[in-house]
Amino acid sequence: MTAVVGPQAGPVTMIDEELSADLAGAALALARRFHAGATLWVLSPQWEPHSHHVAVEFVHPVIVGKRALPAVALVAADLVAETRIAVRPGDVVLAVAGADQAQVLDVMRRAPAWGVETMWIGYGDRPAAGAASHVLWVPSDDPMVPATGRFVLMYHLLWELTHVCFEHPGLLTVPDDDCTDEVCITCSDEGRLGEVVAPPAEEYAGALVRTATGEEYVDVTVVGDVVPGDLVIVHAGAALTRLEDSPQVGQWGPR
C-alpha cells in the first residue's frame, strides 16, 4: 500500500511486504482468540486516544453485519497492575507504544505468566525478538508517525483482516496436538514463566504462583525469598531462577 505526499513527492510505502505478513499473522491469531471467547485489552500510555480508538473499532463495527467484539482500553496510571487484574488466560493485550515504554515492556514480559497473547504496534527502534507474540512495526524515526494515520491504518487493517478470518471457519480452530500419551517429551513441563502471587506462608511451604494454566504452589527453595510480582521460571513444581526486575527494550534474564 503506497501514498504520495506532496505534488513532487514519490510514492511512500505505508504497509510493506514484511508488515503485511505480520498483520496477516496477527489477524489470524486474534480471530482464533476471539472465537475461543477472548477479550482484547488495549494499552497506549503515550497516545491514549489510540487505545480508545482500537477498542471502539472492535466493539462498534462500522460495517453492517460484522460482529461486535469485546475490547477494552486500559488507561490507569499503573498499567501493569490494571492489566494483571483485568486479563484472563486466553485473552489478548495489544499495545500502541514505543519500544522504550517501561510499563508496556513490563506487561509484555509478564503476559506469558498470565496466559495471554500480545501484540505491539509502534515505530522507531524495534523491540527485541520475543518481546511480544506479534510485532507490527513502522521502521521510521519520524516523531510524527503516531499522528500521521499510519497507526490508524494498521489497526483498521487488523480489524478488517480479523473479520476476513471469521469468513473462513476452518481457520479458527487450532489443530489438536499430535501427542496422545498422558506425558511426553514435547508436552512436558519445560520452564514455564510464573508470577509470584504470595510468598510461602511458612517455612518449607510453597509460594503461590500464577502461570498460564492458573495458580499453583511452587517450591522456591532454590531462588530463596520471593515477593509478589517476582517472575520465576517454573519446572516440575519448583522455581529454578528469578528474572530481572527492570527489562530494557524487551530484554531480560535471570538474576
Foldseek 3Di string as FASTA:
>chain_A
DWDADDPPGDIDDLQDPVLVVLLLVLLLLQLLLQVVPAAEEEEEAVDQVVLVVLQCCQQPPPDPPFDRTHYYYDHDPQSQVVCLVPGAASYEYEYEYDLQDQSLLLNQVCCQLRNYAYEYEYEDDAFDPPSGNGYNYDDDPPPCVVVPCSVVVSSNSSNVSNRVSVVPVVSNDDDDDPDDDPDDPVPAQDWFKWFFQACAPDPPWFTWIGGSVGTDGAAEPQAPDDHGGWIFTDHPRYGNFTKDDGDGRNDIDGD
